[in-house]
């Protein structure tokens, strides 16, 4: 009877140890599950932030392209204005030279 009682105590002690190991393993798995869930949430946040940053970069790129295009157009317009002004100046100078030549011809005609 004592031997059976001792065996029962031993089995009870082993069962308690098994329950304790199971509890520790369950707590450990629960902790791991929480860590994995938190990592997934953090990863989701990072993916969302990356998408927002990609959108911001695209918007900034478009803005810079518009500014460059506008600047190039302003420069092109300024060059066209300068070329037109240069052409008007050449025409004015040519007209002045022609008028001076005719004046000299008239003066020479008058002196003869």
N, C-alpha and C. Protein backbone atom coordinates (compact mmCIF):
# COMPACT_ATOMS: atom_id res chain seq x y z
N UNK A 1 0.85 -1.19 0.00
CA UNK A 1 0.00 0.00 0.00
C UNK A 1 0.88 1.24 0.00
N UNK A 2 1.94 1.19 0.81
CA UNK A 2 2.84 2.34 0.85
C UNK A 2 3.52 2.54 -0.50
N UNK A 3 3.86 1.46 -1.13
CA UNK A 3 4.50 1.53 -2.44
C UNK A 3 3.53 2.13 -3.45
N UNK A 4 2.26 1.74 -3.40
CA UNK A 4 1.26 2.30 -4.32
C UNK A 4 1.06 3.77 -4.00
N UNK A 5 1.07 4.11 -2.73
CA UNK A 5 0.90 5.51 -2.32
C UNK A 5 2.10 6.34 -2.81
N UNK A 6 3.29 5.79 -2.70
CA UNK A 6 4.50 6.48 -3.15
C UNK A 6 4.47 6.66 -4.66
N UNK A 7 4.01 5.60 -5.37
CA UNK A 7 3.92 5.71 -6.83
C UNK A 7 2.90 6.77 -7.21
N UNK A 8 1.76 6.81 -6.49
CA UNK A 8 0.73 7.81 -6.78
C UNK A 8 1.30 9.20 -6.57
N UNK A 9 2.06 9.40 -5.50
CA UNK A 9 2.68 10.69 -5.21
C UNK A 9 3.66 11.04 -6.33
N UNK A 10 4.42 10.03 -6.78
CA UNK A 10 5.40 10.26 -7.86
C UNK A 10 4.68 10.67 -9.14
N UNK A 11 3.60 9.92 -9.47
CA UNK A 11 2.82 10.27 -10.66
C UNK A 11 2.22 11.67 -10.53
N UNK A 12 1.74 11.99 -9.35
CA UNK A 12 1.15 13.32 -9.11
C UNK A 12 2.22 14.40 -9.28
N UNK A 13 3.41 14.14 -8.76
CA UNK A 13 4.50 15.10 -8.89
C UNK A 13 4.89 15.24 -10.37
N UNK A 14 4.99 14.12 -11.11
CA UNK A 14 5.31 14.19 -12.54
C UNK A 14 4.21 14.90 -13.30
N UNK A 15 2.95 14.67 -12.93
CA UNK A 15 1.83 15.36 -13.58
C UNK A 15 1.92 16.86 -13.32
N UNK A 16 2.24 17.24 -12.07
CA UNK A 16 2.41 18.67 -11.74
C UNK A 16 3.54 19.27 -12.58
N UNK A 17 4.64 18.55 -12.69
CA UNK A 17 5.76 19.06 -13.49
C UNK A 17 5.36 19.18 -14.96
N UNK A 18 4.61 18.19 -15.48
CA UNK A 18 4.16 18.24 -16.87
C UNK A 18 3.22 19.43 -17.07
N UNK A 19 2.29 19.64 -16.10
CA UNK A 19 1.38 20.79 -16.19
C UNK A 19 2.18 22.09 -16.19
N UNK A 20 3.20 22.16 -15.32
CA UNK A 20 4.03 23.36 -15.24
C UNK A 20 4.76 23.60 -16.57
N UNK A 21 5.34 22.52 -17.14
CA UNK A 21 6.03 22.67 -18.43
C UNK A 21 5.06 23.10 -19.52
N UNK A 22 3.86 22.54 -19.50
CA UNK A 22 2.83 22.91 -20.47
C UNK A 22 2.44 24.38 -20.30
N UNK A 23 2.30 24.80 -19.05
CA UNK A 23 1.95 26.19 -18.77
C UNK A 23 3.06 27.13 -19.25
N UNK A 24 4.32 26.75 -18.96
CA UNK A 24 5.46 27.57 -19.41
C UNK A 24 5.48 27.62 -20.93
N UNK A 25 5.27 26.48 -21.58
CA UNK A 25 5.28 26.44 -23.05
C UNK A 25 4.12 27.28 -23.60
N UNK A 26 2.96 27.20 -22.97
CA UNK A 26 1.80 27.99 -23.42
C UNK A 26 2.08 29.47 -23.28
N UNK A 27 2.64 29.86 -22.13
CA UNK A 27 2.97 31.27 -21.91
C UNK A 27 4.01 31.71 -22.95
N UNK A 28 4.98 30.86 -23.19
CA UNK A 28 6.02 31.18 -24.17
C UNK A 28 5.41 31.34 -25.56
N UNK A 29 4.54 30.40 -25.95
CA UNK A 29 3.88 30.50 -27.27
C UNK A 29 3.02 31.75 -27.34
N UNK A 30 2.32 32.08 -26.27
CA UNK A 30 1.48 33.29 -26.24
C UNK A 30 2.35 34.53 -26.38
N UNK A 31 3.47 34.54 -25.69
CA UNK A 31 4.40 35.67 -25.79
C UNK A 31 4.92 35.78 -27.24
N UNK A 32 5.30 34.66 -27.83
CA UNK A 32 5.76 34.66 -29.21
C UNK A 32 4.66 35.14 -30.15
N UNK A 33 3.43 34.70 -29.92
CA UNK A 33 2.30 35.12 -30.76
C UNK A 33 2.12 36.63 -30.67
N UNK A 34 2.20 37.18 -29.44
CA UNK A 34 2.05 38.64 -29.27
C UNK A 34 3.18 39.38 -29.98
N UNK A 35 4.41 38.84 -29.86
CA UNK A 35 5.55 39.47 -30.53
C UNK A 35 5.33 39.45 -32.04
N UNK A 36 4.89 38.32 -32.58
CA UNK A 36 4.65 38.21 -34.02
C UNK A 36 3.55 39.17 -34.44
N UNK A 37 2.47 39.26 -33.67
CA UNK A 37 1.38 40.20 -34.00
C UNK A 37 1.90 41.64 -34.01
N UNK A 38 2.71 41.98 -33.01
CA UNK A 38 3.25 43.34 -32.93
C UNK A 38 4.18 43.61 -34.12
N UNK A 39 4.99 42.62 -34.49
CA UNK A 39 5.87 42.80 -35.64
C UNK A 39 5.04 42.97 -36.92
N UNK A 40 3.95 42.22 -37.03
CA UNK A 40 3.09 42.36 -38.21
C UNK A 40 2.46 43.76 -38.25
N UNK A 41 2.01 44.24 -37.10
CA UNK A 41 1.44 45.60 -37.05
C UNK A 41 2.49 46.62 -37.46
N UNK A 42 3.71 46.47 -36.91
CA UNK A 42 4.79 47.40 -37.23
C UNK A 42 5.13 47.34 -38.72
N UNK A 43 5.16 46.14 -39.25
CA UNK A 43 5.45 45.98 -40.68
C UNK A 43 4.36 46.63 -41.51
N UNK A 44 3.11 46.46 -41.11
CA UNK A 44 2.00 47.11 -41.81
C UNK A 44 2.16 48.62 -41.79
N UNK A 45 2.56 49.16 -40.64
CA UNK A 45 2.79 50.61 -40.54
C UNK A 45 3.92 51.04 -41.47
N UNK A 46 4.99 50.24 -41.51
CA UNK A 46 6.11 50.58 -42.38
C UNK A 46 5.71 50.54 -43.84
N UNK A 47 4.92 49.56 -44.21
CA UNK A 47 4.45 49.46 -45.60
C UNK A 47 3.60 50.69 -45.94
N UNK A 48 2.73 51.07 -45.01
CA UNK A 48 1.88 52.25 -45.22
C UNK A 48 2.73 53.51 -45.35
N UNK A 49 3.72 53.67 -44.47
CA UNK A 49 4.60 54.84 -44.53
C UNK A 49 5.39 54.86 -45.85
N UNK A 50 5.85 53.70 -46.27
CA UNK A 50 6.60 53.62 -47.53
C UNK A 50 5.71 54.05 -48.70
N UNK A 51 4.46 53.64 -48.69
CA UNK A 51 3.52 54.04 -49.75
C UNK A 51 3.32 55.55 -49.74
N UNK A 52 3.17 56.12 -48.53
CA UNK A 52 3.01 57.57 -48.43
C UNK A 52 4.24 58.29 -48.95
N UNK A 53 5.42 57.78 -48.60
CA UNK A 53 6.66 58.41 -49.07
C UNK A 53 6.79 58.30 -50.59
N UNK A 54 6.41 57.14 -51.16
CA UNK A 54 6.46 57.01 -52.62
C UNK A 54 5.55 58.04 -53.26
N UNK A 55 4.37 58.24 -52.69
CA UNK A 55 3.42 59.24 -53.22
C UNK A 55 4.01 60.64 -53.11
N UNK A 56 4.62 60.96 -51.97
CA UNK A 56 5.23 62.29 -51.80
C UNK A 56 6.36 62.51 -52.80
N UNK A 57 7.17 61.47 -53.01
CA UNK A 57 8.28 61.59 -53.96
C UNK A 57 7.73 61.81 -55.37
N UNK A 58 6.68 61.09 -55.73
CA UNK A 58 6.09 61.26 -57.06
C UNK A 58 5.56 62.67 -57.22
N UNK A 59 4.88 63.19 -56.21
CA UNK A 59 4.35 64.56 -56.27
C UNK A 59 5.48 65.57 -56.38
N UNK A 60 6.53 65.37 -55.61
CA UNK A 60 7.67 66.29 -55.65
C UNK A 60 8.35 66.24 -57.02
N UNK A 61 8.48 65.05 -57.57
CA UNK A 61 9.08 64.90 -58.90
C UNK A 61 8.24 65.64 -59.94
N UNK A 62 6.92 65.48 -59.87
CA UNK A 62 6.03 66.17 -60.81
C UNK A 62 6.15 67.69 -60.65
N UNK A 63 6.22 68.16 -59.41
CA UNK A 63 6.34 69.60 -59.16
C UNK A 63 7.64 70.13 -59.77
N UNK A 64 8.74 69.40 -59.53
CA UNK A 64 10.03 69.83 -60.08
C UNK A 64 10.02 69.82 -61.61
N UNK A 65 9.38 68.82 -62.19
CA UNK A 65 9.29 68.76 -63.65
C UNK A 65 8.49 69.94 -64.19
N UNK A 66 7.39 70.29 -63.51
CA UNK A 66 6.59 71.46 -63.94
C UNK A 66 7.42 72.74 -63.83
N UNK A 67 8.14 72.88 -62.72
CA UNK A 67 8.97 74.08 -62.53
C UNK A 67 10.06 74.16 -63.59
N UNK A 68 10.71 73.02 -63.88
CA UNK A 68 11.75 73.00 -64.91
C UNK A 68 11.17 73.38 -66.27
N UNK A 69 10.00 72.83 -66.59
CA UNK A 69 9.36 73.11 -67.87
C UNK A 69 9.02 74.60 -67.96
N UNK A 70 8.48 75.17 -66.88
CA UNK A 70 8.13 76.59 -66.88
C UNK A 70 9.39 77.45 -67.00
N UNK A 71 10.46 77.07 -66.29
CA UNK A 71 11.72 77.83 -66.37
C UNK A 71 12.28 77.78 -67.78
N UNK A 72 12.28 76.59 -68.39
CA UNK A 72 12.79 76.46 -69.75
C UNK A 72 11.96 77.31 -70.72
N UNK A 73 10.64 77.33 -70.53
CA UNK A 73 9.79 78.14 -71.40
C UNK A 73 10.09 79.62 -71.22
N UNK A 74 10.31 80.06 -69.97
CA UNK A 74 10.66 81.47 -69.72
C UNK A 74 11.98 81.83 -70.41
N UNK A 75 12.96 80.91 -70.30
CA UNK A 75 14.25 81.16 -70.94
C UNK A 75 14.10 81.20 -72.46
N UNK A 76 13.30 80.29 -73.00
CA UNK A 76 13.06 80.26 -74.44
C UNK A 76 12.39 81.56 -74.89
N UNK A 77 11.38 82.01 -74.12
CA UNK A 77 10.69 83.27 -74.45
C UNK A 77 11.65 84.45 -74.39
N UNK A 78 12.53 84.48 -73.38
CA UNK A 78 13.48 85.57 -73.24
C UNK A 78 14.45 85.58 -74.43
N UNK A 79 14.90 84.39 -74.86
CA UNK A 79 15.79 84.33 -76.02
C UNK A 79 15.07 84.80 -77.28
N UNK A 80 13.81 84.42 -77.44
CA UNK A 80 13.04 84.85 -78.60
C UNK A 80 12.87 86.37 -78.59
N UNK A 81 12.59 86.95 -77.41
CA UNK A 81 12.46 88.41 -77.31
C UNK A 81 13.78 89.09 -77.66
N UNK A 82 14.89 88.54 -77.14
CA UNK A 82 16.20 89.12 -77.42
C UNK A 82 16.51 89.03 -78.91
N UNK A 83 16.18 87.90 -79.53
CA UNK A 83 16.42 87.74 -80.97
C UNK A 83 15.58 88.73 -81.76
N UNK A 84 14.31 88.90 -81.38
CA UNK A 84 13.44 89.85 -82.07
C UNK A 84 13.96 91.27 -81.89
N UNK A 85 14.41 91.60 -80.69
CA UNK A 85 14.96 92.94 -80.44
C UNK A 85 16.22 93.16 -81.27
N UNK A 86 17.08 92.13 -81.35
CA UNK A 86 18.29 92.21 -82.17
C UNK A 86 17.94 92.42 -83.64
N UNK A 87 16.93 91.72 -84.12
CA UNK A 87 16.50 91.87 -85.52
C UNK A 87 15.97 93.28 -85.76
N UNK A 88 15.16 93.81 -84.86
CA UNK A 88 14.65 95.18 -85.00
C UNK A 88 15.81 96.18 -85.01
N UNK A 89 16.82 95.95 -84.14
CA UNK A 89 17.97 96.84 -84.09
C UNK A 89 18.75 96.79 -85.40
N UNK A 90 18.92 95.59 -85.96
CA UNK A 90 19.62 95.46 -87.25
C UNK A 90 18.84 96.18 -88.35
N UNK A 91 17.52 96.02 -88.36
CA UNK A 91 16.70 96.70 -89.36
C UNK A 91 16.80 98.22 -89.21
N UNK A 92 16.76 98.72 -87.99
CA UNK A 92 16.86 100.16 -87.75
C UNK A 92 18.21 100.69 -88.24
N UNK A 93 19.29 99.94 -87.91
CA UNK A 93 20.63 100.35 -88.33
C UNK A 93 20.72 100.34 -89.86
N UNK A 94 20.14 99.32 -90.47
CA UNK A 94 20.17 99.22 -91.94
C UNK A 94 19.41 100.39 -92.55
N UNK A 95 18.26 100.73 -91.98
CA UNK A 95 17.46 101.86 -92.47
C UNK A 95 18.24 103.16 -92.31
N UNK A 96 18.90 103.33 -91.18
CA UNK A 96 19.70 104.53 -90.95
C UNK A 96 20.83 104.64 -91.97
N UNK A 97 21.50 103.49 -92.22
CA UNK A 97 22.59 103.50 -93.21
C UNK A 97 22.05 103.85 -94.59
N UNK A 98 20.90 103.29 -94.94
CA UNK A 98 20.29 103.58 -96.24
C UNK A 98 19.92 105.06 -96.35
N UNK A 99 19.35 105.62 -95.30
CA UNK A 99 18.99 107.04 -95.31
C UNK A 99 20.25 107.90 -95.42
N UNK A 100 21.32 107.51 -94.70
CA UNK A 100 22.59 108.24 -94.76
C UNK A 100 23.17 108.17 -96.16
N UNK A 101 23.11 106.99 -96.78
CA UNK A 101 23.62 106.81 -98.15
C UNK A 101 22.86 107.71 -99.12
N UNK A 102 21.52 107.72 -99.01
CA UNK A 102 20.70 108.56 -99.89
C UNK A 102 21.00 110.04 -99.66
N UNK A 103 21.19 110.43 -98.40
CA UNK A 103 21.51 111.82 -98.09
C UNK A 103 22.82 112.21 -98.76
N UNK A 104 23.83 111.29 -98.67
CA UNK A 104 25.11 111.56 -99.31
C UNK A 104 24.94 111.66 -100.83
N UNK A 105 24.12 110.77 -101.40
CA UNK A 105 23.88 110.83 -102.85
C UNK A 105 23.25 112.16 -103.24
N UNK A 106 22.26 112.61 -102.49
CA UNK A 106 21.60 113.89 -102.77
C UNK A 106 22.59 115.04 -102.66
N UNK A 107 23.42 114.96 -101.59
CA UNK A 107 24.41 116.02 -101.37
C UNK A 107 25.40 116.02 -102.53
N UNK A 108 25.81 114.83 -102.96
CA UNK A 108 26.76 114.75 -104.08
C UNK A 108 26.09 115.26 -105.35
N UNK A 109 24.82 114.94 -105.54
CA UNK A 109 24.06 115.39 -106.71
C UNK A 109 23.94 116.91 -106.66
N UNK A 110 23.70 117.45 -105.51
CA UNK A 110 23.54 118.90 -105.35
C UNK A 110 24.88 119.61 -105.64
N UNK A 111 25.98 118.98 -105.21
CA UNK A 111 27.28 119.63 -105.41
C UNK A 111 27.74 119.61 -106.86
N UNK A 112 27.19 118.76 -107.67
CA UNK A 112 27.62 118.67 -109.07
C UNK A 112 27.05 119.75 -109.86
